[in-house]
PDB file of N, CA and C in Angstrom:
ATOM      1  N   MET A   1      -4.983  12.230  -0.895  1.00  0.00           N
ATOM      2  CA  MET A   1      -3.729  11.543  -1.125  1.00  0.00           C
ATOM      3  C   MET A   1      -4.000  10.363  -2.048  1.00  0.00           C
ATOM      4  N   ALA A   2      -3.245  10.321  -3.144  1.00  0.00           N
ATOM      5  CA  ALA A   2      -3.428   9.241  -4.112  1.00  0.00           C
ATOM      6  C   ALA A   2      -2.871   7.945  -3.543  1.00  0.00           C
ATOM      7  N   GLY A   3      -3.553   6.843  -3.815  1.00  0.00           N
ATOM      8  CA  GLY A   3      -3.085   5.535  -3.368  1.00  0.00           C
ATOM      9  C   GLY A   3      -1.963   5.031  -4.250  1.00  0.00           C
ATOM     10  N   ILE A   4      -1.227   4.099  -3.742  1.00  0.00           N
ATOM     11  CA  ILE A   4      -0.153   3.514  -4.531  1.00  0.00           C
ATOM     12  C   ILE A   4      -0.729   2.869  -5.773  1.00  0.00           C
ATOM     13  N   PHE A   5      -1.722   2.065  -5.626  1.00  0.00           N
ATOM     14  CA  PHE A   5      -2.407   1.444  -6.743  1.00  0.00           C
ATOM     15  C   PHE A   5      -3.792   2.068  -6.779  1.00  0.00           C
ATOM     16  N   ARG A   6      -3.907   3.171  -7.476  1.00  0.00           N
ATOM     17  CA  ARG A   6      -5.137   3.954  -7.483  1.00  0.00           C
ATOM     18  C   ARG A   6      -6.344   3.091  -7.828  1.00  0.00           C
ATOM     19  N   SER A   7      -6.143   2.048  -8.629  1.00  0.00           N
ATOM     20  CA  SER A   7      -7.273   1.230  -9.059  1.00  0.00           C
ATOM     21  C   SER A   7      -7.784   0.281  -7.976  1.00  0.00           C
ATOM     22  N   LEU A   8      -7.094   0.173  -6.862  1.00  0.00           N
ATOM     23  CA  LEU A   8      -7.564  -0.696  -5.784  1.00  0.00           C
ATOM     24  C   LEU A   8      -8.631   0.046  -4.999  1.00  0.00           C
ATOM     25  N   ALA A   9      -9.869  -0.251  -5.296  1.00  0.00           N
ATOM     26  CA  ALA A   9     -10.964   0.488  -4.674  1.00  0.00           C
ATOM     27  C   ALA A   9     -11.658  -0.325  -3.595  1.00  0.00           C
ATOM     28  N   THR A  10     -11.086  -1.439  -3.215  1.00  0.00           N
ATOM     29  CA  THR A  10     -11.720  -2.255  -2.189  1.00  0.00           C
ATOM     30  C   THR A  10     -11.534  -1.603  -0.832  1.00  0.00           C
ATOM     31  N   PRO A  11     -12.469  -1.792   0.074  1.00  0.00           N
ATOM     32  CA  PRO A  11     -12.330  -1.202   1.403  1.00  0.00           C
ATOM     33  C   PRO A  11     -11.129  -1.776   2.142  1.00  0.00           C
ATOM     34  N   ALA A  12     -10.579  -0.968   3.017  1.00  0.00           N
ATOM     35  CA  ALA A  12      -9.442  -1.417   3.823  1.00  0.00           C
ATOM     36  C   ALA A  12      -9.886  -2.550   4.734  1.00  0.00           C
ATOM     37  N   PRO A  13      -9.000  -3.517   4.968  1.00  0.00           N
ATOM     38  CA  PRO A  13      -9.358  -4.604   5.871  1.00  0.00           C
ATOM     39  C   PRO A  13      -9.618  -4.078   7.271  1.00  0.00           C
ATOM     40  N   LYS A  14     -10.458  -4.767   7.984  1.00  0.00           N
ATOM     41  CA  LYS A  14     -10.754  -4.365   9.359  1.00  0.00           C
ATOM     42  C   LYS A  14      -9.895  -5.197  10.307  1.00  0.00           C
ATOM     43  N   TRP A  15      -8.998  -4.500  11.015  1.00  0.00           N
ATOM     44  CA  TRP A  15      -8.151  -5.164  11.998  1.00  0.00           C
ATOM     45  C   TRP A  15      -8.516  -4.641  13.367  1.00  0.00           C
ATOM     46  N   ASP A  16      -8.175  -5.419  14.366  1.00  0.00           N
ATOM     47  CA  ASP A  16      -8.334  -4.873  15.698  1.00  0.00           C
ATOM     48  C   ASP A  16      -7.258  -3.815  15.879  1.00  0.00           C
ATOM     49  N   SER A  17      -7.345  -3.031  16.921  1.00  0.00           N
ATOM     50  CA  SER A  17      -6.423  -1.914  17.099  1.00  0.00           C
ATOM     51  C   SER A  17      -4.974  -2.371  17.181  1.00  0.00           C
ATOM     52  N   GLY A  18      -4.708  -3.579  17.638  1.00  0.00           N
ATOM     53  CA  GLY A  18      -3.339  -4.077  17.689  1.00  0.00           C
ATOM     54  C   GLY A  18      -2.749  -4.263  16.309  1.00  0.00           C
ATOM     55  N   GLY A  19      -3.554  -4.745  15.349  1.00  0.00           N
ATOM     56  CA  GLY A  19      -3.075  -4.937  13.982  1.00  0.00           C
ATOM     57  C   GLY A  19      -2.738  -3.628  13.305  1.00  0.00           C
ATOM     58  N   VAL A  20      -3.586  -2.642  13.480  1.00  0.00           N
ATOM     59  CA  VAL A  20      -3.326  -1.337  12.878  1.00  0.00           C
ATOM     60  C   VAL A  20      -2.081  -0.724  13.509  1.00  0.00           C
ATOM     61  N   LYS A  21      -1.928  -0.847  14.809  1.00  0.00           N
ATOM     62  CA  LYS A  21      -0.759  -0.288  15.472  1.00  0.00           C
ATOM     63  C   LYS A  21       0.523  -0.917  14.925  1.00  0.00           C
ATOM     64  N   ALA A  22       0.511  -2.202  14.675  1.00  0.00           N
ATOM     65  CA  ALA A  22       1.692  -2.862  14.120  1.00  0.00           C
ATOM     66  C   ALA A  22       2.027  -2.290  12.751  1.00  0.00           C
ATOM     67  N   TYR A  23       1.019  -2.080  11.910  1.00  0.00           N
ATOM     68  CA  TYR A  23       1.256  -1.476  10.599  1.00  0.00           C
ATOM     69  C   TYR A  23       1.818  -0.074  10.763  1.00  0.00           C
ATOM     70  N   GLU A  24       1.262   0.695  11.699  1.00  0.00           N
ATOM     71  CA  GLU A  24       1.737   2.058  11.922  1.00  0.00           C
ATOM     72  C   GLU A  24       3.192   2.070  12.384  1.00  0.00           C
ATOM     73  N   GLU A  25       3.575   1.137  13.231  1.00  0.00           N
ATOM     74  CA  GLU A  25       4.960   1.073  13.687  1.00  0.00           C
ATOM     75  C   GLU A  25       5.912   0.764  12.541  1.00  0.00           C
ATOM     76  N   VAL A  26       5.537  -0.174  11.681  1.00  0.00           N
ATOM     77  CA  VAL A  26       6.387  -0.505  10.535  1.00  0.00           C
ATOM     78  C   VAL A  26       6.432   0.677   9.568  1.00  0.00           C
ATOM     79  N   ALA A  27       5.311   1.324   9.342  1.00  0.00           N
ATOM     80  CA  ALA A  27       5.271   2.487   8.460  1.00  0.00           C
ATOM     81  C   ALA A  27       6.162   3.604   8.991  1.00  0.00           C
ATOM     82  N   ASP A  28       6.131   3.828  10.295  1.00  0.00           N
ATOM     83  CA  ASP A  28       6.983   4.845  10.909  1.00  0.00           C
ATOM     84  C   ASP A  28       8.461   4.489  10.722  1.00  0.00           C
ATOM     85  N   PHE A  29       8.798   3.227  10.909  1.00  0.00           N
ATOM     86  CA  PHE A  29      10.168   2.764  10.717  1.00  0.00           C
ATOM     87  C   PHE A  29      10.627   3.034   9.283  1.00  0.00           C
ATOM     88  N   ILE A  30       9.789   2.680   8.314  1.00  0.00           N
ATOM     89  CA  ILE A  30      10.129   2.905   6.909  1.00  0.00           C
ATOM     90  C   ILE A  30      10.295   4.396   6.642  1.00  0.00           C
ATOM     91  N   ALA A  31       9.363   5.195   7.096  1.00  0.00           N
ATOM     92  CA  ALA A  31       9.375   6.633   6.824  1.00  0.00           C
ATOM     93  C   ALA A  31      10.616   7.313   7.363  1.00  0.00           C
ATOM     94  N   ARG A  32      11.097   6.882   8.500  1.00  0.00           N
ATOM     95  CA  ARG A  32      12.263   7.516   9.117  1.00  0.00           C
ATOM     96  C   ARG A  32      13.570   7.179   8.408  1.00  0.00           C
ATOM     97  N   ARG A  33      13.579   6.161   7.573  1.00  0.00           N
ATOM     98  CA  ARG A  33      14.813   5.774   6.882  1.00  0.00           C
ATOM     99  C   ARG A  33      15.164   6.734   5.760  1.00  0.00           C
ATOM    100  N   GLY A  34      14.206   7.369   5.185  1.00  0.00           N
ATOM    101  CA  GLY A  34      14.430   8.319   4.093  1.00  0.00           C
ATOM    102  C   GLY A  34      13.123   8.971   3.735  1.00  0.00           C
ATOM    103  N   PRO A  35      12.677   9.944   4.550  1.00  0.00           N
ATOM    104  CA  PRO A  35      11.347  10.513   4.357  1.00  0.00           C
ATOM    105  C   PRO A  35      11.076  11.017   2.939  1.00  0.00           C
ATOM    106  N   ARG A  36      12.041  11.671   2.323  1.00  0.00           N
ATOM    107  CA  ARG A  36      11.821  12.202   0.978  1.00  0.00           C
ATOM    108  C   ARG A  36      11.600  11.054  -0.013  1.00  0.00           C
ATOM    109  N   GLU A  37      12.436  10.027   0.060  1.00  0.00           N
ATOM    110  CA  GLU A  37      12.296   8.896  -0.859  1.00  0.00           C
ATOM    111  C   GLU A  37      10.975   8.163  -0.646  1.00  0.00           C
ATOM    112  N   VAL A  38      10.586   8.002   0.607  1.00  0.00           N
ATOM    113  CA  VAL A  38       9.316   7.329   0.906  1.00  0.00           C
ATOM    114  C   VAL A  38       8.152   8.158   0.390  1.00  0.00           C
ATOM    115  N   ALA A  39       8.168   9.454   0.656  1.00  0.00           N
ATOM    116  CA  ALA A  39       7.074  10.335   0.222  1.00  0.00           C
ATOM    117  C   ALA A  39       6.941  10.343  -1.302  1.00  0.00           C
ATOM    118  N   ASP A  40       8.057  10.220  -2.010  1.00  0.00           N
ATOM    119  CA  ASP A  40       8.045  10.276  -3.471  1.00  0.00           C
ATOM    120  C   ASP A  40       7.872   8.918  -4.137  1.00  0.00           C
ATOM    121  N   PHE A  41       7.822   7.840  -3.356  1.00  0.00           N
ATOM    122  CA  PHE A  41       7.771   6.491  -3.928  1.00  0.00           C
ATOM    123  C   PHE A  41       6.554   6.282  -4.814  1.00  0.00           C
ATOM    124  N   LYS A  42       6.793   5.648  -5.942  1.00  0.00           N
ATOM    125  CA  LYS A  42       5.722   5.194  -6.826  1.00  0.00           C
ATOM    126  C   LYS A  42       6.111   3.791  -7.291  1.00  0.00           C
ATOM    127  N   PRO A  43       5.161   2.873  -7.318  1.00  0.00           N
ATOM    128  CA  PRO A  43       5.480   1.518  -7.792  1.00  0.00           C
ATOM    129  C   PRO A  43       5.808   1.550  -9.281  1.00  0.00           C
ATOM    130  N   SER A  44       6.501   0.523  -9.722  1.00  0.00           N
ATOM    131  CA  SER A  44       6.895   0.437 -11.125  1.00  0.00           C
ATOM    132  C   SER A  44       5.672   0.258 -12.021  1.00  0.00           C
ATOM    133  N   ALA A  45       5.866   0.559 -13.292  1.00  0.00           N
ATOM    134  CA  ALA A  45       4.801   0.355 -14.272  1.00  0.00           C
ATOM    135  C   ALA A  45       4.408  -1.122 -14.323  1.00  0.00           C
ATOM    136  N   ASP A  46       5.395  -2.006 -14.195  1.00  0.00           N
ATOM    137  CA  ASP A  46       5.106  -3.441 -14.196  1.00  0.00           C
ATOM    138  C   ASP A  46       4.212  -3.835 -13.026  1.00  0.00           C
ATOM    139  N   ALA A  47       4.494  -3.293 -11.846  1.00  0.00           N
ATOM    140  CA  ALA A  47       3.686  -3.609 -10.662  1.00  0.00           C
ATOM    141  C   ALA A  47       2.264  -3.079 -10.828  1.00  0.00           C
ATOM    142  N   ARG A  48       2.139  -1.853 -11.322  1.00  0.00           N
ATOM    143  CA  ARG A  48       0.799  -1.288 -11.535  1.00  0.00           C
ATOM    144  C   ARG A  48       0.021  -2.096 -12.574  1.00  0.00           C
ATOM    145  N   GLN A  49       0.721  -2.523 -13.634  1.00  0.00           N
ATOM    146  CA  GLN A  49       0.078  -3.324 -14.678  1.00  0.00           C
ATOM    147  C   GLN A  49      -0.407  -4.662 -14.121  1.00  0.00           C
ATOM    148  N   ARG A  50       0.415  -5.289 -13.295  1.00  0.00           N
ATOM    149  CA  ARG A  50       0.034  -6.595 -12.723  1.00  0.00           C
ATOM    150  C   ARG A  50      -1.211  -6.458 -11.865  1.00  0.00           C
ATOM    151  N   VAL A  51      -1.286  -5.422 -11.057  1.00  0.00           N
ATOM    152  CA  VAL A  51      -2.465  -5.213 -10.219  1.00  0.00           C
ATOM    153  C   VAL A  51      -3.694  -4.970 -11.095  1.00  0.00           C
ATOM    154  N   SER A  52      -3.528  -4.188 -12.156  1.00  0.00           N
ATOM    155  CA  SER A  52      -4.650  -3.948 -13.076  1.00  0.00           C
ATOM    156  C   SER A  52      -5.130  -5.245 -13.698  1.00  0.00           C
ATOM    157  N   GLU A  53      -4.182  -6.093 -14.096  1.00  0.00           N
ATOM    158  CA  GLU A  53      -4.545  -7.390 -14.678  1.00  0.00           C
ATOM    159  C   GLU A  53      -5.311  -8.248 -13.681  1.00  0.00           C
ATOM    160  N   LEU A  54      -4.821  -8.291 -12.446  1.00  0.00           N
ATOM    161  CA  LEU A  54      -5.495  -9.094 -11.426  1.00  0.00           C
ATOM    162  C   LEU A  54      -6.903  -8.575 -11.155  1.00  0.00           C
ATOM    163  N   LEU A  55      -7.055  -7.262 -11.087  1.00  0.00           N
ATOM    164  CA  LEU A  55      -8.377  -6.684 -10.838  1.00  0.00           C
ATOM    165  C   LEU A  55      -9.326  -6.981 -11.996  1.00  0.00           C
ATOM    166  N   ALA A  56      -8.842  -6.871 -13.218  1.00  0.00           N
ATOM    167  CA  ALA A  56      -9.678  -7.162 -14.382  1.00  0.00           C
ATOM    168  C   ALA A  56     -10.074  -8.633 -14.399  1.00  0.00           C
ATOM    169  N   GLN A  57      -9.113  -9.499 -14.116  1.00  0.00           N
ATOM    170  CA  GLN A  57      -9.399 -10.935 -14.108  1.00  0.00           C
ATOM    171  C   GLN A  57     -10.381 -11.284 -12.993  1.00  0.00           C
ATOM    172  N   GLU A  58     -10.230 -10.607 -11.859  1.00  0.00           N
ATOM    173  CA  GLU A  58     -11.152 -10.857 -10.734  1.00  0.00           C
ATOM    174  C   GLU A  58     -12.586 -10.563 -11.148  1.00  0.00           C
ATOM    175  N   LYS A  59     -12.780  -9.516 -11.930  1.00  0.00           N
ATOM    176  CA  LYS A  59     -14.127  -9.126 -12.351  1.00  0.00           C
ATOM    177  C   LYS A  59     -14.693 -10.023 -13.444  1.00  0.00           C
ATOM    178  N   THR A  60     -13.831 -10.580 -14.284  1.00  0.00           N
ATOM    179  CA  THR A  60     -14.324 -11.340 -15.428  1.00  0.00           C
ATOM    180  C   THR A  60     -14.411 -12.830 -15.170  1.00  0.00           C
ATOM    181  N   MET A  61     -13.299 -13.448 -14.788  1.00  0.00           N
ATOM    182  CA  MET A  61     -13.324 -14.905 -14.647  1.00  0.00           C
ATOM    183  C   MET A  61     -12.885 -15.399 -13.284  1.00  0.00           C
ATOM    184  N   GLY A  62     -12.600 -14.483 -12.401  1.00  0.00           N
ATOM    185  CA  GLY A  62     -12.192 -14.876 -11.062  1.00  0.00           C
ATOM    186  C   GLY A  62     -10.698 -15.148 -10.965  1.00  0.00           C
ATOM    187  N   LEU A  63     -10.239 -15.295  -9.750  1.00  0.00           N
ATOM    188  CA  LEU A  63      -8.822 -15.507  -9.473  1.00  0.00           C
ATOM    189  C   LEU A  63      -8.596 -16.888  -8.886  1.00  0.00           C
ATOM    190  N   THR A  64      -7.408 -17.428  -9.165  1.00  0.00           N
ATOM    191  CA  THR A  64      -7.006 -18.652  -8.486  1.00  0.00           C
ATOM    192  C   THR A  64      -6.663 -18.280  -7.043  1.00  0.00           C
ATOM    193  N   ALA A  65      -6.487 -19.263  -6.214  1.00  0.00           N
ATOM    194  CA  ALA A  65      -6.119 -19.000  -4.819  1.00  0.00           C
ATOM    195  C   ALA A  65      -4.791 -18.244  -4.755  1.00  0.00           C
ATOM    196  N   GLU A  66      -3.849 -18.614  -5.598  1.00  0.00           N
ATOM    197  CA  GLU A  66      -2.543 -17.944  -5.616  1.00  0.00           C
ATOM    198  C   GLU A  66      -2.678 -16.485  -6.067  1.00  0.00           C
ATOM    199  N   GLU A  67      -3.489 -16.249  -7.086  1.00  0.00           N
ATOM    200  CA  GLU A  67      -3.700 -14.875  -7.558  1.00  0.00           C
ATOM    201  C   GLU A  67      -4.419 -14.041  -6.503  1.00  0.00           C
ATOM    202  N   ARG A  68      -5.366 -14.638  -5.787  1.00  0.00           N
ATOM    203  CA  ARG A  68      -6.070 -13.938  -4.706  1.00  0.00           C
ATOM    204  C   ARG A  68      -5.090 -13.511  -3.628  1.00  0.00           C
ATOM    205  N   ARG A  69      -4.176 -14.431  -3.258  1.00  0.00           N
ATOM    206  CA  ARG A  69      -3.147 -14.095  -2.256  1.00  0.00           C
ATOM    207  C   ARG A  69      -2.262 -12.964  -2.762  1.00  0.00           C
ATOM    208  N   GLU A  70      -1.902 -13.009  -4.036  1.00  0.00           N
ATOM    209  CA  GLU A  70      -1.060 -11.951  -4.615  1.00  0.00           C
ATOM    210  C   GLU A  70      -1.769 -10.600  -4.557  1.00  0.00           C
ATOM    211  N   LEU A  71      -3.041 -10.558  -4.933  1.00  0.00           N
ATOM    212  CA  LEU A  71      -3.800  -9.313  -4.895  1.00  0.00           C
ATOM    213  C   LEU A  71      -3.975  -8.836  -3.455  1.00  0.00           C
ATOM    214  N   ASP A  72      -4.276  -9.746  -2.543  1.00  0.00           N
ATOM    215  CA  ASP A  72      -4.399  -9.376  -1.130  1.00  0.00           C
ATOM    216  C   ASP A  72      -3.087  -8.794  -0.612  1.00  0.00           C
ATOM    217  N   HIS A  73      -1.984  -9.394  -1.004  1.00  0.00           N
ATOM    218  CA  HIS A  73      -0.664  -8.911  -0.591  1.00  0.00           C
ATOM    219  C   HIS A  73      -0.440  -7.492  -1.122  1.00  0.00           C
ATOM    220  N   CYS A  74      -0.801  -7.251  -2.366  1.00  0.00           N
ATOM    221  CA  CYS A  74      -0.663  -5.906  -2.941  1.00  0.00           C
ATOM    222  C   CYS A  74      -1.493  -4.894  -2.164  1.00  0.00           C
ATOM    223  N   GLU A  75      -2.687  -5.286  -1.758  1.00  0.00           N
ATOM    224  CA  GLU A  75      -3.541  -4.390  -0.984  1.00  0.00           C
ATOM    225  C   GLU A  75      -2.919  -4.097   0.381  1.00  0.00           C
ATOM    226  N   ASP A  76      -2.330  -5.106   1.010  1.00  0.00           N
ATOM    227  CA  ASP A  76      -1.650  -4.900   2.293  1.00  0.00           C
ATOM    228  C   ASP A  76      -0.464  -3.951   2.122  1.00  0.00           C
ATOM    229  N   LEU A  77       0.297  -4.142   1.039  1.00  0.00           N
ATOM    230  CA  LEU A  77       1.438  -3.263   0.778  1.00  0.00           C
ATOM    231  C   LEU A  77       0.984  -1.829   0.519  1.00  0.00           C
ATOM    232  N   GLU A  78      -0.131  -1.683  -0.178  1.00  0.00           N
ATOM    233  CA  GLU A  78      -0.653  -0.340  -0.428  1.00  0.00           C
ATOM    234  C   GLU A  78      -0.984   0.353   0.893  1.00  0.00           C
ATOM    235  N   LEU A  79      -1.645  -0.359   1.789  1.00  0.00           N
ATOM    236  CA  LEU A  79      -1.965   0.209   3.094  1.00  0.00           C
ATOM    237  C   LEU A  79      -0.695   0.622   3.833  1.00  0.00           C
ATOM    238  N   LEU A  80       0.275  -0.261   3.878  1.00  0.00           N
ATOM    239  CA  LEU A  80       1.520   0.018   4.575  1.00  0.00           C
ATOM    240  C   LEU A  80       2.231   1.225   3.970  1.00  0.00           C
ATOM    241  N   MET A  81       2.320   1.284   2.655  1.00  0.00           N
ATOM    242  CA  MET A  81       3.005   2.410   2.013  1.00  0.00           C
ATOM    243  C   MET A  81       2.230   3.709   2.186  1.00  0.00           C
ATOM    244  N   ASN A  82       0.910   3.657   2.173  1.00  0.00           N
ATOM    245  CA  ASN A  82       0.132   4.876   2.420  1.00  0.00           C
ATOM    246  C   ASN A  82       0.417   5.409   3.827  1.00  0.00           C
ATOM    247  N   LEU A  83       0.480   4.514   4.802  1.00  0.00           N
ATOM    248  CA  LEU A  83       0.816   4.941   6.161  1.00  0.00           C
ATOM    249  C   LEU A  83       2.234   5.512   6.221  1.00  0.00           C
ATOM    250  N   ALA A  84       3.187   4.834   5.577  1.00  0.00           N
ATOM    251  CA  ALA A  84       4.578   5.297   5.583  1.00  0.00           C
ATOM    252  C   ALA A  84       4.698   6.639   4.883  1.00  0.00           C
ATOM    253  N   LYS A  85       4.005   6.812   3.763  1.00  0.00           N
ATOM    254  CA  LYS A  85       4.067   8.085   3.038  1.00  0.00           C
ATOM    255  C   LYS A  85       3.464   9.223   3.873  1.00  0.00           C
ATOM    256  N   ALA A  86       2.364   8.945   4.550  1.00  0.00           N
ATOM    257  CA  ALA A  86       1.756   9.977   5.399  1.00  0.00           C
ATOM    258  C   ALA A  86       2.716  10.375   6.523  1.00  0.00           C
ATOM    259  N   ARG A  87       3.339   9.382   7.142  1.00  0.00           N
ATOM    260  CA  ARG A  87       4.299   9.662   8.218  1.00  0.00           C
ATOM    261  C   ARG A  87       5.509  10.403   7.674  1.00  0.00           C
ATOM    262  N   ALA A  88       5.993  10.027   6.508  1.00  0.00           N
ATOM    263  CA  ALA A  88       7.139  10.703   5.892  1.00  0.00           C
ATOM    264  C   ALA A  88       6.801  12.164   5.621  1.00  0.00           C
ATOM    265  N   ARG A  89       5.606  12.431   5.141  1.00  0.00           N
ATOM    266  CA  ARG A  89       5.213  13.824   4.889  1.00  0.00           C
ATOM    267  C   ARG A  89       5.146  14.625   6.186  1.00  0.00           C
ATOM    268  N   GLN A  90       4.683  13.987   7.268  1.00  0.00           N
ATOM    269  CA  GLN A  90       4.675  14.666   8.572  1.00  0.00           C
ATOM    270  C   GLN A  90       6.111  15.012   8.992  1.00  0.00           C
ATOM    271  N   LEU A  91       7.011  14.046   8.844  1.00  0.00           N
ATOM    272  CA  LEU A  91       8.404  14.293   9.211  1.00  0.00           C
ATOM    273  C   LEU A  91       9.012  15.413   8.392  1.00  0.00           C
ATOM    274  N   LEU A  92       8.731  15.428   7.105  1.00  0.00           N
ATOM    275  CA  LEU A  92       9.261  16.472   6.235  1.00  0.00           C
ATOM    276  C   LEU A  92       8.692  17.839   6.592  1.00  0.00           C
ATOM    277  N   ALA A  93       7.411  17.870   6.937  1.00  0.00           N
ATOM    278  CA  ALA A  93       6.764  19.132   7.304  1.00  0.00           C
ATOM    279  C   ALA A  93       7.350  19.722   8.575  1.00  0.00           C
ATOM    280  N   HIS A  94       7.875  18.850   9.452  1.00  0.00           N
ATOM    281  CA  HIS A  94       8.452  19.309  10.714  1.00  0.00           C
ATOM    282  C   HIS A  94       9.973  19.352  10.648  1.00  0.00           C
ATOM    283  N   GLY A  95      10.520  19.270   9.455  1.00  0.00           N
ATOM    284  CA  GLY A  95      11.967  19.419   9.273  1.00  0.00           C
ATOM    285  C   GLY A  95      12.808  18.297   9.815  1.00  0.00           C
ATOM    286  N   GLN A  96      12.287  17.092   9.886  1.00  0.00           N
ATOM    287  CA  GLN A  96      13.059  15.957  10.409  1.00  0.00           C
ATOM    288  C   GLN A  96      13.611  15.122   9.287  1.00  0.00           C
TER     289      GLN A  96
END
């Protein structure tokens, strides 16, 4: 399964089981609102470009604290959307 921001190759954050469960609950909520739309979601070209810029800057000259928070937020959103997309595909496969 392709990631939302394919270029984000950093490992997933390690949460305790309660944190992951919270993400799964939100992902399930999102997926049930429109499984087809969630499964087909792709971020805009602008969003993908911004993440690419942040990743390139991180490798060359580093990020400011604000840019680090922005990149971390994008990574969190990628995780959430990957969970929602997986759940949406399950729902679609079972005709829900």
